[in-house]
């Protein structure tokens, strides 16, 4: 009995040190050495200041910026409260909200069908990407606000469009934050308009 108890205590100590201390330190160290950017949240900076992450969505509502999917995370894009709306497809609140968003977007670009991801939230509420169709839908507005051609806007979007992983996993996607940073760098709006838009761009 005493021998079994001694073995049990030693096994507990050894496995705690091995799996609770050594293993996490080794994995963390390897991640920092081999995948430093990914291990630290794929943060993006501008002028030395962290302004977001490639893998966590944030809200942009000003007309000069590419807009993300709707978010039901907290008050919207709340990384501490990741969640979907929890509304079922027949819920009237969801139907009314989607119909209102479709009408608003159709008025913005009546010549195109409204992509579904511009009116439906992701399960996390923090999706950083939209479909190429959703990005292309917004091109006329962005071109007008930035005072450039639609082709120039499409070239920026194309630079931040990622294909399927390994050629067959997932779907093509466009990173919203990367596009908006590139737009500000390539086609800055006049100072007064930029200040007005940035005040409501990130909420």
N, C-alpha and C. Protein backbone atom coordinates (compact mmCIF):
# COMPACT_ATOMS: atom_id res chain seq x y z
N UNK A 1 0.84 -1.21 0.00
CA UNK A 1 0.00 0.00 0.00
C UNK A 1 0.87 1.26 0.00
N UNK A 2 1.88 1.26 0.90
CA UNK A 2 2.77 2.42 0.99
C UNK A 2 3.56 2.60 -0.31
N UNK A 3 3.99 1.49 -0.91
CA UNK A 3 4.74 1.55 -2.16
C UNK A 3 3.88 2.11 -3.29
N UNK A 4 2.63 1.66 -3.35
CA UNK A 4 1.70 2.16 -4.39
C UNK A 4 1.45 3.65 -4.23
N UNK A 5 1.30 4.10 -2.98
CA UNK A 5 1.08 5.52 -2.72
C UNK A 5 2.28 6.34 -3.12
N UNK A 6 3.48 5.83 -2.83
CA UNK A 6 4.71 6.52 -3.20
C UNK A 6 4.82 6.65 -4.71
N UNK A 7 4.51 5.56 -5.43
CA UNK A 7 4.56 5.59 -6.89
C UNK A 7 3.56 6.59 -7.45
N UNK A 8 2.35 6.60 -6.88
CA UNK A 8 1.30 7.53 -7.35
C UNK A 8 1.72 8.98 -7.16
N UNK A 9 2.32 9.31 -6.02
CA UNK A 9 2.77 10.68 -5.75
C UNK A 9 3.88 11.08 -6.70
N UNK A 10 4.84 10.18 -6.91
CA UNK A 10 5.95 10.47 -7.82
C UNK A 10 5.46 10.65 -9.25
N UNK A 11 4.52 9.80 -9.68
CA UNK A 11 3.96 9.93 -11.03
C UNK A 11 3.24 11.27 -11.19
N UNK A 12 2.53 11.67 -10.15
CA UNK A 12 1.83 12.96 -10.20
C UNK A 12 2.81 14.11 -10.34
N UNK A 13 3.90 14.05 -9.56
CA UNK A 13 4.90 15.12 -9.63
C UNK A 13 5.58 15.14 -10.99
N UNK A 14 5.98 13.97 -11.47
CA UNK A 14 6.69 13.88 -12.75
C UNK A 14 5.81 14.35 -13.90
N UNK A 15 4.57 13.86 -13.96
CA UNK A 15 3.68 14.25 -15.07
C UNK A 15 3.30 15.73 -14.99
N UNK A 16 3.18 16.26 -13.78
CA UNK A 16 2.87 17.69 -13.63
C UNK A 16 4.00 18.54 -14.17
N UNK A 17 5.24 18.19 -13.79
CA UNK A 17 6.40 18.95 -14.27
C UNK A 17 6.57 18.78 -15.78
N UNK A 18 6.43 17.53 -16.25
CA UNK A 18 6.64 17.25 -17.66
C UNK A 18 5.58 17.88 -18.55
N UNK A 19 4.31 17.66 -18.20
CA UNK A 19 3.21 18.12 -19.06
C UNK A 19 2.70 19.51 -18.71
N UNK A 20 2.93 19.93 -17.48
CA UNK A 20 2.43 21.24 -17.07
C UNK A 20 3.46 22.36 -17.13
N UNK A 21 4.75 21.99 -17.22
CA UNK A 21 5.81 23.02 -17.26
C UNK A 21 6.70 22.85 -18.49
N UNK A 22 7.36 21.71 -18.60
CA UNK A 22 8.34 21.52 -19.67
C UNK A 22 7.68 21.53 -21.05
N UNK A 23 6.61 20.75 -21.22
CA UNK A 23 5.95 20.67 -22.53
C UNK A 23 5.43 22.04 -22.99
N UNK A 24 4.69 22.79 -22.16
CA UNK A 24 4.24 24.11 -22.61
C UNK A 24 5.38 25.06 -22.96
N UNK A 25 6.48 25.01 -22.19
CA UNK A 25 7.61 25.89 -22.48
C UNK A 25 8.26 25.53 -23.82
N UNK A 26 8.40 24.22 -24.09
CA UNK A 26 9.00 23.79 -25.35
C UNK A 26 8.12 24.20 -26.53
N UNK A 27 6.81 23.95 -26.42
CA UNK A 27 5.90 24.30 -27.51
C UNK A 27 5.88 25.81 -27.74
N UNK A 28 5.83 26.58 -26.65
CA UNK A 28 5.83 28.05 -26.77
C UNK A 28 7.13 28.53 -27.41
N UNK A 29 8.25 27.96 -26.99
CA UNK A 29 9.54 28.36 -27.55
C UNK A 29 9.64 28.06 -29.03
N UNK A 30 9.20 26.85 -29.43
CA UNK A 30 9.23 26.49 -30.84
C UNK A 30 8.31 27.39 -31.66
N UNK A 31 7.14 27.70 -31.10
CA UNK A 31 6.21 28.58 -31.82
C UNK A 31 6.80 29.96 -32.02
N UNK A 32 7.46 30.48 -30.99
CA UNK A 32 8.07 31.80 -31.11
C UNK A 32 9.21 31.81 -32.12
N UNK A 33 9.97 30.73 -32.19
CA UNK A 33 11.10 30.67 -33.12
C UNK A 33 10.66 30.40 -34.56
N UNK A 34 9.70 29.50 -34.73
CA UNK A 34 9.32 29.06 -36.08
C UNK A 34 8.14 29.81 -36.66
N UNK A 35 7.21 30.26 -35.82
CA UNK A 35 5.98 30.90 -36.29
C UNK A 35 5.69 32.14 -35.45
N UNK A 36 6.68 33.03 -35.36
CA UNK A 36 6.60 34.17 -34.44
C UNK A 36 5.34 35.02 -34.68
N UNK A 37 5.04 35.35 -35.93
CA UNK A 37 3.89 36.20 -36.25
C UNK A 37 2.59 35.52 -35.85
N UNK A 38 2.43 34.26 -36.21
CA UNK A 38 1.19 33.54 -35.89
C UNK A 38 1.05 33.32 -34.39
N UNK A 39 2.14 33.04 -33.72
CA UNK A 39 2.08 32.78 -32.28
C UNK A 39 1.69 34.02 -31.49
N UNK A 40 1.87 35.20 -32.07
CA UNK A 40 1.57 36.44 -31.38
C UNK A 40 0.32 37.13 -31.92
N UNK A 41 -0.54 36.38 -32.60
CA UNK A 41 -1.84 36.92 -32.99
C UNK A 41 -1.90 37.58 -34.35
N UNK A 42 -0.84 37.47 -35.16
CA UNK A 42 -0.81 38.06 -36.50
C UNK A 42 -1.24 39.54 -36.46
N UNK A 43 -0.57 40.29 -35.60
CA UNK A 43 -0.92 41.70 -35.41
C UNK A 43 -0.44 42.56 -36.57
N UNK A 44 -1.22 43.60 -36.87
CA UNK A 44 -0.87 44.57 -37.90
C UNK A 44 -0.62 45.92 -37.25
N UNK A 45 0.39 46.62 -37.74
CA UNK A 45 0.73 47.91 -37.16
C UNK A 45 0.71 49.00 -38.23
N UNK A 46 0.52 50.21 -37.78
CA UNK A 46 0.64 51.38 -38.66
C UNK A 46 1.32 52.49 -37.87
N UNK A 47 2.41 53.00 -38.40
CA UNK A 47 3.20 54.02 -37.71
C UNK A 47 3.65 53.52 -36.34
N UNK A 48 3.97 52.23 -36.26
CA UNK A 48 4.47 51.66 -35.02
C UNK A 48 3.42 51.33 -33.98
N UNK A 49 2.15 51.53 -34.32
CA UNK A 49 1.06 51.29 -33.37
C UNK A 49 0.24 50.09 -33.84
N UNK A 50 -0.02 49.15 -32.94
CA UNK A 50 -0.85 47.99 -33.28
C UNK A 50 -2.29 48.46 -33.47
N UNK A 51 -2.85 48.14 -34.65
CA UNK A 51 -4.21 48.60 -34.93
C UNK A 51 -5.18 47.46 -35.18
N UNK A 52 -4.70 46.23 -35.14
CA UNK A 52 -5.61 45.11 -35.34
C UNK A 52 -4.86 43.83 -35.62
N UNK A 53 -5.63 42.82 -35.96
CA UNK A 53 -5.08 41.50 -36.24
C UNK A 53 -5.64 40.97 -37.55
N UNK A 54 -4.82 40.21 -38.27
CA UNK A 54 -5.30 39.60 -39.51
C UNK A 54 -6.40 38.58 -39.27
N UNK A 55 -6.49 38.05 -38.06
CA UNK A 55 -7.40 36.93 -37.81
C UNK A 55 -8.57 37.29 -36.88
N UNK A 56 -8.71 38.57 -36.52
CA UNK A 56 -9.84 39.01 -35.70
C UNK A 56 -10.50 40.19 -36.39
N UNK A 57 -11.76 40.04 -36.74
CA UNK A 57 -12.47 41.10 -37.45
C UNK A 57 -12.73 42.32 -36.58
N UNK A 58 -12.86 43.45 -37.22
CA UNK A 58 -13.26 44.67 -36.52
C UNK A 58 -14.18 45.47 -37.42
N UNK A 59 -14.93 46.37 -36.81
CA UNK A 59 -15.97 47.07 -37.56
C UNK A 59 -15.45 48.27 -38.34
N UNK A 60 -15.85 48.36 -39.60
CA UNK A 60 -15.61 49.55 -40.42
C UNK A 60 -16.95 49.95 -41.01
N UNK A 61 -17.40 51.15 -40.73
CA UNK A 61 -18.71 51.58 -41.24
C UNK A 61 -18.63 52.82 -42.13
N UNK A 62 -17.49 53.52 -42.14
CA UNK A 62 -17.36 54.72 -42.97
C UNK A 62 -17.35 54.33 -44.44
N UNK A 63 -17.92 55.15 -45.32
CA UNK A 63 -18.07 54.78 -46.73
C UNK A 63 -16.78 54.59 -47.50
N UNK A 64 -15.67 55.16 -47.01
CA UNK A 64 -14.41 55.03 -47.72
C UNK A 64 -13.64 53.76 -47.39
N UNK A 65 -14.27 52.88 -46.61
CA UNK A 65 -13.59 51.65 -46.20
C UNK A 65 -14.39 50.42 -46.60
N UNK A 66 -13.67 49.32 -46.83
CA UNK A 66 -14.31 48.05 -47.09
C UNK A 66 -15.01 47.60 -45.81
N UNK A 67 -16.27 47.19 -45.94
CA UNK A 67 -17.05 46.79 -44.78
C UNK A 67 -16.99 45.29 -44.56
N UNK A 68 -16.93 44.84 -43.31
CA UNK A 68 -16.88 43.41 -43.01
C UNK A 68 -18.28 42.82 -42.92
N UNK A 69 -18.34 41.55 -42.54
CA UNK A 69 -19.62 40.90 -42.26
C UNK A 69 -20.26 41.54 -41.04
N UNK A 70 -21.59 41.48 -40.91
CA UNK A 70 -22.22 41.91 -39.66
C UNK A 70 -21.69 41.07 -38.50
N UNK A 71 -21.75 41.62 -37.30
CA UNK A 71 -21.26 40.90 -36.12
C UNK A 71 -22.29 40.94 -35.00
N UNK A 72 -22.49 39.79 -34.35
CA UNK A 72 -23.37 39.71 -33.19
C UNK A 72 -22.56 39.49 -31.92
N UNK A 73 -21.26 39.72 -31.98
CA UNK A 73 -20.38 39.54 -30.81
C UNK A 73 -20.48 40.77 -29.93
N UNK A 74 -21.16 40.65 -28.81
CA UNK A 74 -21.37 41.80 -27.93
C UNK A 74 -22.12 42.89 -28.66
N UNK A 75 -21.55 44.09 -28.64
CA UNK A 75 -22.12 45.20 -29.40
C UNK A 75 -21.56 45.25 -30.82
N UNK A 76 -20.88 44.19 -31.21
CA UNK A 76 -20.29 44.11 -32.54
C UNK A 76 -18.79 44.02 -32.48
N UNK A 77 -18.23 42.93 -33.00
CA UNK A 77 -16.78 42.73 -33.10
C UNK A 77 -16.09 42.81 -31.74
N UNK A 78 -16.77 42.33 -30.70
CA UNK A 78 -16.22 42.33 -29.35
C UNK A 78 -15.45 41.02 -29.15
N UNK A 79 -14.12 41.11 -29.17
CA UNK A 79 -13.29 39.91 -29.07
C UNK A 79 -13.44 39.20 -27.73
N UNK A 80 -13.94 39.90 -26.72
CA UNK A 80 -14.14 39.29 -25.41
C UNK A 80 -15.52 38.63 -25.31
N UNK A 81 -16.32 38.74 -26.36
CA UNK A 81 -17.69 38.20 -26.30
C UNK A 81 -18.05 37.57 -27.65
N UNK A 82 -17.15 36.73 -28.14
CA UNK A 82 -17.36 36.08 -29.44
C UNK A 82 -18.63 35.24 -29.42
N UNK A 83 -19.50 35.48 -30.41
CA UNK A 83 -20.78 34.76 -30.43
C UNK A 83 -21.52 35.07 -31.72
N UNK A 84 -22.45 34.20 -32.06
CA UNK A 84 -23.40 34.48 -33.14
C UNK A 84 -24.66 35.09 -32.54
N UNK A 85 -25.64 35.36 -33.38
CA UNK A 85 -26.87 35.99 -32.89
C UNK A 85 -27.75 35.03 -32.11
N UNK A 86 -27.57 33.72 -32.33
CA UNK A 86 -28.40 32.67 -31.73
C UNK A 86 -29.83 32.67 -32.28
N UNK A 87 -30.09 33.46 -33.31
CA UNK A 87 -31.40 33.45 -33.94
C UNK A 87 -31.46 32.33 -34.97
N UNK A 88 -32.56 31.58 -34.97
CA UNK A 88 -32.77 30.57 -35.99
C UNK A 88 -33.17 31.20 -37.30
N UNK A 89 -33.13 30.45 -38.40
CA UNK A 89 -33.42 31.02 -39.72
C UNK A 89 -34.84 31.52 -39.89
N UNK A 90 -35.76 31.09 -39.03
CA UNK A 90 -37.15 31.56 -39.13
C UNK A 90 -37.46 32.66 -38.12
N UNK A 91 -36.46 33.10 -37.35
CA UNK A 91 -36.69 34.15 -36.36
C UNK A 91 -37.01 35.47 -37.05
N UNK A 92 -38.09 36.10 -36.66
CA UNK A 92 -38.54 37.31 -37.35
C UNK A 92 -37.57 38.47 -37.19
N UNK A 93 -36.90 38.56 -36.03
CA UNK A 93 -35.92 39.63 -35.84
C UNK A 93 -34.77 39.49 -36.84
N UNK A 94 -34.33 38.25 -37.04
CA UNK A 94 -33.26 38.02 -38.01
C UNK A 94 -33.73 38.33 -39.42
N UNK A 95 -34.92 37.90 -39.76
CA UNK A 95 -35.46 38.14 -41.10
C UNK A 95 -35.58 39.64 -41.36
N UNK A 96 -36.11 40.38 -40.38
CA UNK A 96 -36.28 41.83 -40.54
C UNK A 96 -34.93 42.52 -40.70
N UNK A 97 -33.94 42.11 -39.90
CA UNK A 97 -32.63 42.73 -39.98
C UNK A 97 -31.96 42.46 -41.32
N UNK A 98 -32.05 41.21 -41.79
CA UNK A 98 -31.45 40.86 -43.08
C UNK A 98 -32.14 41.61 -44.21
N UNK A 99 -33.47 41.67 -44.18
CA UNK A 99 -34.20 42.39 -45.22
C UNK A 99 -33.83 43.87 -45.26
N UNK A 100 -33.67 44.47 -44.08
CA UNK A 100 -33.28 45.89 -44.02
C UNK A 100 -31.88 46.09 -44.59
N UNK A 101 -30.97 45.17 -44.25
CA UNK A 101 -29.61 45.28 -44.77
C UNK A 101 -29.56 45.07 -46.28
N UNK A 102 -30.35 44.13 -46.78
CA UNK A 102 -30.41 43.89 -48.22
C UNK A 102 -30.92 45.13 -48.95
N UNK A 103 -31.97 45.75 -48.41
CA UNK A 103 -32.53 46.95 -49.04
C UNK A 103 -31.51 48.08 -49.05
N UNK A 104 -30.80 48.25 -47.94
CA UNK A 104 -29.79 49.32 -47.86
C UNK A 104 -28.66 49.08 -48.85
N UNK A 105 -28.17 47.87 -48.92
CA UNK A 105 -27.06 47.56 -49.82
C UNK A 105 -27.50 47.59 -51.28
N UNK A 106 -28.72 47.17 -51.54
CA UNK A 106 -29.21 47.21 -52.92
C UNK A 106 -29.31 48.65 -53.41
N UNK A 107 -29.67 49.55 -52.51
CA UNK A 107 -29.72 50.97 -52.88
C UNK A 107 -28.32 51.50 -53.19
N UNK A 108 -27.32 50.96 -52.51
CA UNK A 108 -25.94 51.38 -52.74
C UNK A 108 -25.44 50.91 -54.09
N UNK A 109 -25.81 49.69 -54.48
CA UNK A 109 -25.32 49.11 -55.72
C UNK A 109 -26.44 48.31 -56.37
N UNK A 110 -27.40 48.99 -57.01
CA UNK A 110 -28.58 48.30 -57.55
C UNK A 110 -28.31 47.37 -58.72
N UNK A 111 -27.14 47.44 -59.31
CA UNK A 111 -26.86 46.62 -60.49
C UNK A 111 -26.38 45.22 -60.14
N UNK A 112 -26.12 44.96 -58.85
CA UNK A 112 -25.60 43.65 -58.46
C UNK A 112 -26.47 43.02 -57.37
N UNK A 113 -26.47 41.68 -57.34
CA UNK A 113 -27.11 40.96 -56.25
C UNK A 113 -26.27 41.14 -54.99
N UNK A 114 -26.92 41.20 -53.84
CA UNK A 114 -26.22 41.40 -52.57
C UNK A 114 -25.63 40.07 -52.11
N UNK A 115 -24.30 39.98 -51.96
CA UNK A 115 -23.69 38.73 -51.46
C UNK A 115 -24.18 38.40 -50.06
N UNK A 116 -24.40 37.12 -49.81
CA UNK A 116 -25.02 36.70 -48.56
C UNK A 116 -24.17 37.05 -47.34
N UNK A 117 -22.84 37.05 -47.47
CA UNK A 117 -22.02 37.31 -46.29
C UNK A 117 -22.02 38.78 -45.87
N UNK A 118 -22.58 39.66 -46.68
CA UNK A 118 -22.70 41.06 -46.27
C UNK A 118 -23.94 41.30 -45.42
N UNK A 119 -24.81 40.31 -45.32
CA UNK A 119 -26.03 40.48 -44.52
C UNK A 119 -26.20 39.39 -43.46
N UNK A 120 -25.25 38.47 -43.38
CA UNK A 120 -25.33 37.42 -42.36
C UNK A 120 -24.05 37.42 -41.52
N UNK A 121 -24.22 37.27 -40.22
CA UNK A 121 -23.06 37.26 -39.32
C UNK A 121 -22.45 35.88 -39.26
N UNK A 122 -21.16 35.83 -38.97
CA UNK A 122 -20.49 34.54 -38.79
C UNK A 122 -20.80 34.01 -37.39
N UNK A 123 -20.49 32.74 -37.15
CA UNK A 123 -20.75 32.13 -35.85
C UNK A 123 -19.95 32.80 -34.74
N UNK A 124 -18.75 33.27 -35.07
CA UNK A 124 -17.90 33.90 -34.05
C UNK A 124 -18.20 35.38 -33.89
N UNK A 125 -18.69 36.02 -34.94
CA UNK A 125 -18.85 37.47 -34.92
C UNK A 125 -17.54 38.21 -35.12
N UNK A 126 -16.47 37.45 -35.39
CA UNK A 126 -15.14 38.06 -35.51
C UNK A 126 -14.44 37.65 -36.79
N UNK A 127 -15.20 37.27 -37.80
CA UNK A 127 -14.62 36.83 -39.07
C UNK A 127 -13.87 37.99 -39.71
N UNK A 128 -12.56 37.85 -39.96
CA UNK A 128 -11.78 38.96 -40.54
C UNK A 128 -11.90 39.06 -42.05
N UNK A 129 -12.51 38.07 -42.68
CA UNK A 129 -12.54 37.99 -44.14
C UNK A 129 -13.96 38.06 -44.68
N UNK A 130 -14.05 38.46 -45.94
CA UNK A 130 -15.30 38.38 -46.69
C UNK A 130 -15.00 37.70 -48.02
N UNK A 131 -16.03 37.32 -48.73
CA UNK A 131 -15.83 36.66 -50.02
C UNK A 131 -15.39 37.69 -51.07
N UNK A 132 -14.72 37.23 -52.12
CA UNK A 132 -14.39 38.16 -53.21
C UNK A 132 -15.63 38.85 -53.79
N UNK A 133 -16.75 38.14 -53.83
CA UNK A 133 -17.98 38.76 -54.34
C UNK A 133 -18.43 39.91 -53.45
N UNK A 134 -18.30 39.74 -52.13
CA UNK A 134 -18.69 40.80 -51.20
C UNK A 134 -17.76 42.00 -51.32
N UNK A 135 -16.49 41.74 -51.56
CA UNK A 135 -15.55 42.85 -51.75
C UNK A 135 -15.83 43.58 -53.06
N UNK A 136 -16.07 42.82 -54.13
CA UNK A 136 -16.33 43.42 -55.43
C UNK A 136 -17.61 44.25 -55.41
N UNK A 137 -18.60 43.82 -54.63
CA UNK A 137 -19.85 44.56 -54.51
C UNK A 137 -19.60 45.98 -54.01
N UNK A 138 -18.58 46.17 -53.19
CA UNK A 138 -18.31 47.47 -52.58
C UNK A 138 -17.39 48.36 -53.40
N UNK A 139 -16.88 47.84 -54.51
CA UNK A 139 -15.91 48.58 -55.32
C UNK A 139 -16.42 49.94 -55.79
N UNK A 140 -17.65 50.05 -56.34
CA UNK A 140 -18.10 51.37 -56.80
C UNK A 140 -18.10 52.43 -55.69
N UNK A 141 -18.54 52.05 -54.50
CA UNK A 141 -18.55 53.01 -53.39
C UNK A 141 -17.14 53.41 -53.00
N UNK A 142 -16.24 52.45 -52.92
CA UNK A 142 -14.86 52.75 -52.55
C UNK A 142 -14.18 53.64 -53.59
N UNK A 143 -14.41 53.34 -54.85
CA UNK A 143 -13.82 54.14 -55.92
C UNK A 143 -14.32 55.58 -55.86
N UNK A 144 -15.62 55.74 -55.62
CA UNK A 144 -16.20 57.08 -55.53
C UNK A 144 -15.62 57.85 -54.34
N UNK A 145 -15.55 57.21 -53.19
CA UNK A 145 -15.08 57.88 -51.98
C UNK A 145 -13.59 58.21 -52.06
N UNK A 146 -12.82 57.33 -52.70
CA UNK A 146 -11.37 57.53 -52.79
C UNK A 146 -10.97 58.37 -54.00
N UNK A 147 -11.90 58.59 -54.92
CA UNK A 147 -11.60 59.40 -56.09
C UNK A 147 -10.66 58.72 -57.07
N UNK A 148 -10.78 57.39 -57.19
CA UNK A 148 -9.94 56.63 -58.12
C UNK A 148 -10.84 55.72 -58.95
N UNK A 149 -10.23 55.00 -59.90
CA UNK A 149 -11.02 54.12 -60.76
C UNK A 149 -11.37 52.82 -60.03
N UNK A 150 -12.41 52.17 -60.51
CA UNK A 150 -12.79 50.89 -59.94
C UNK A 150 -11.70 49.85 -60.14
N UNK A 151 -11.00 49.93 -61.27
CA UNK A 151 -9.92 48.98 -61.52
C UNK A 151 -8.81 49.12 -60.49
N UNK A 152 -8.50 50.33 -60.08
CA UNK A 152 -7.46 50.53 -59.07
C UNK A 152 -7.87 49.92 -57.73
N UNK A 153 -9.16 50.05 -57.39
CA UNK A 153 -9.65 49.44 -56.15
C UNK A 153 -9.58 47.92 -56.26
N UNK A 154 -9.95 47.39 -57.41
CA UNK A 154 -9.92 45.92 -57.58
C UNK A 154 -8.49 45.39 -57.48
N UNK A 155 -7.53 46.15 -57.94
CA UNK A 155 -6.13 45.70 -57.84
C UNK A 155 -5.69 45.61 -56.38
N UNK A 156 -6.14 46.55 -55.56
CA UNK A 156 -5.83 46.49 -54.13
C UNK A 156 -6.48 45.26 -53.51
N UNK A 157 -7.74 45.04 -53.81
CA UNK A 157 -8.45 43.88 -53.26
C UNK A 157 -7.79 42.58 -53.69
N UNK A 158 -7.36 42.52 -54.94
CA UNK A 158 -6.73 41.30 -55.44
C UNK A 158 -5.44 40.97 -54.68
N UNK A 159 -4.71 41.99 -54.27
CA UNK A 159 -3.47 41.77 -53.53
C UNK A 159 -3.73 41.10 -52.17
N UNK A 160 -4.93 41.27 -51.67
CA UNK A 160 -5.25 40.72 -50.34
C UNK A 160 -6.31 39.62 -50.42
N UNK A 161 -6.42 39.02 -51.60
CA UNK A 161 -7.32 37.89 -51.78
C UNK A 161 -6.52 36.60 -51.67
N UNK A 162 -6.95 35.73 -50.78
CA UNK A 162 -6.28 34.45 -50.57
C UNK A 162 -7.12 33.33 -51.17
N UNK A 163 -6.47 32.40 -51.82
CA UNK A 163 -7.16 31.27 -52.43
C UNK A 163 -7.41 30.16 -51.44
N UNK A 164 -7.90 29.04 -51.95
CA UNK A 164 -8.13 27.88 -51.10
C UNK A 164 -6.81 27.34 -50.57
N UNK A 165 -6.79 26.91 -49.33
CA UNK A 165 -5.58 26.32 -48.76
C UNK A 165 -5.31 24.98 -49.43
N UNK A 166 -4.06 24.80 -49.83
CA UNK A 166 -3.62 23.60 -50.54
C UNK A 166 -4.39 23.37 -51.83
N UNK A 167 -5.08 24.41 -52.28
CA UNK A 167 -5.80 24.32 -53.55
C UNK A 167 -7.19 23.75 -53.47
N UNK A 168 -7.59 23.22 -52.29
CA UNK A 168 -8.93 22.61 -52.24
C UNK A 168 -9.63 22.81 -50.89
N UNK A 169 -8.95 23.33 -49.88
CA UNK A 169 -9.58 23.53 -48.57
C UNK A 169 -10.12 24.94 -48.44
N UNK A 170 -11.36 25.07 -47.97
CA UNK A 170 -11.95 26.38 -47.76
C UNK A 170 -12.36 27.06 -49.05
N UNK A 171 -12.57 28.36 -48.96
CA UNK A 171 -13.00 29.17 -50.09
C UNK A 171 -12.10 30.40 -50.21
N UNK A 172 -12.01 31.00 -51.41
CA UNK A 172 -11.26 32.25 -51.55
C UNK A 172 -11.83 33.32 -50.61
N UNK A 173 -10.96 34.19 -50.09
CA UNK A 173 -11.40 35.17 -49.12
C UNK A 173 -10.55 36.43 -49.21
N UNK A 174 -11.12 37.52 -48.74
CA UNK A 174 -10.45 38.83 -48.77
C UNK A 174 -10.35 39.35 -47.35
N UNK A 175 -9.15 39.73 -46.93
CA UNK A 175 -8.96 40.25 -45.58
C UNK A 175 -9.33 41.73 -45.54
N UNK A 176 -10.34 42.06 -44.76
CA UNK A 176 -10.90 43.42 -44.74
C UNK A 176 -9.90 44.44 -44.20
N UNK A 177 -9.26 44.14 -43.08
CA UNK A 177 -8.34 45.10 -42.48
C UNK A 177 -7.15 45.38 -43.39
N UNK A 178 -6.59 44.34 -44.01
CA UNK A 178 -5.45 44.54 -44.89
C UNK A 178 -5.82 45.42 -46.08
N UNK A 179 -7.00 45.21 -46.65
CA UNK A 179 -7.44 46.04 -47.77
C UNK A 179 -7.56 47.49 -47.33
N UNK A 180 -8.17 47.72 -46.18
CA UNK A 180 -8.37 49.10 -45.72
C UNK A 180 -7.05 49.82 -45.43
N UNK A 181 -6.10 49.09 -44.87
CA UNK A 181 -4.78 49.70 -44.64
C UNK A 181 -4.11 50.05 -45.96
N UNK A 182 -4.23 49.15 -46.93
CA UNK A 182 -3.64 49.38 -48.24
C UNK A 182 -4.32 50.55 -48.94
N UNK A 183 -5.63 50.65 -48.81
CA UNK A 183 -6.36 51.77 -49.42
C UNK A 183 -5.88 53.11 -48.84
N UNK A 184 -5.70 53.15 -47.53
CA UNK A 184 -5.23 54.38 -46.90
C UNK A 184 -3.83 54.74 -47.37
N UNK A 185 -3.01 53.74 -47.62
CA UNK A 185 -1.65 54.00 -48.06
C UNK A 185 -1.59 54.40 -49.53
N UNK A 186 -2.35 53.70 -50.37
CA UNK A 186 -2.30 53.94 -51.81
C UNK A 186 -3.14 55.13 -52.25
N UNK A 187 -4.33 55.26 -51.67
CA UNK A 187 -5.28 56.29 -52.11
C UNK A 187 -5.85 57.04 -50.91
N UNK A 188 -5.01 57.79 -50.20
CA UNK A 188 -5.52 58.50 -49.01
C UNK A 188 -6.55 59.55 -49.42
N UNK A 189 -7.56 59.65 -48.58
CA UNK A 189 -8.57 60.69 -48.80
C UNK A 189 -8.02 62.01 -48.31
N UNK A 190 -8.66 63.11 -48.72
CA UNK A 190 -8.18 64.40 -48.24
C UNK A 190 -8.30 64.44 -46.72
N UNK A 191 -7.49 65.26 -46.08
CA UNK A 191 -7.35 65.21 -44.63
C UNK A 191 -8.67 65.37 -43.90
N UNK A 192 -9.50 66.29 -44.34
CA UNK A 192 -10.77 66.53 -43.64
C UNK A 192 -11.69 65.33 -43.75
N UNK A 193 -11.77 64.75 -44.95
CA UNK A 193 -12.63 63.58 -45.14
C UNK A 193 -12.10 62.38 -44.38
N UNK A 194 -10.77 62.25 -44.34
CA UNK A 194 -10.17 61.12 -43.63
C UNK A 194 -10.48 61.17 -42.14
N UNK A 195 -10.38 62.36 -41.56
CA UNK A 195 -10.67 62.51 -40.13
C UNK A 195 -12.12 62.16 -39.85
N UNK A 196 -13.02 62.64 -40.70
CA UNK A 196 -14.45 62.37 -40.53
C UNK A 196 -14.75 60.89 -40.65
N UNK A 197 -14.13 60.24 -41.62
CA UNK A 197 -14.40 58.81 -41.83
C UNK A 197 -13.76 57.95 -40.76
N UNK A 198 -12.53 58.25 -40.36
CA UNK A 198 -11.86 57.43 -39.38
C UNK A 198 -12.54 57.50 -38.02
N UNK A 199 -13.26 58.59 -37.76
CA UNK A 199 -13.94 58.71 -36.48
C UNK A 199 -15.05 57.69 -36.32
N UNK A 200 -15.54 57.15 -37.45
CA UNK A 200 -16.58 56.12 -37.38
C UNK A 200 -16.16 54.82 -38.04
N UNK A 201 -14.92 54.76 -38.49
CA UNK A 201 -14.47 53.56 -39.21
C UNK A 201 -14.32 52.37 -38.30
N UNK A 202 -13.74 52.56 -37.12
CA UNK A 202 -13.51 51.46 -36.19
C UNK A 202 -14.32 51.70 -34.93
N UNK A 203 -15.21 50.74 -34.60
CA UNK A 203 -16.04 50.90 -33.42
C UNK A 203 -15.75 49.77 -32.45
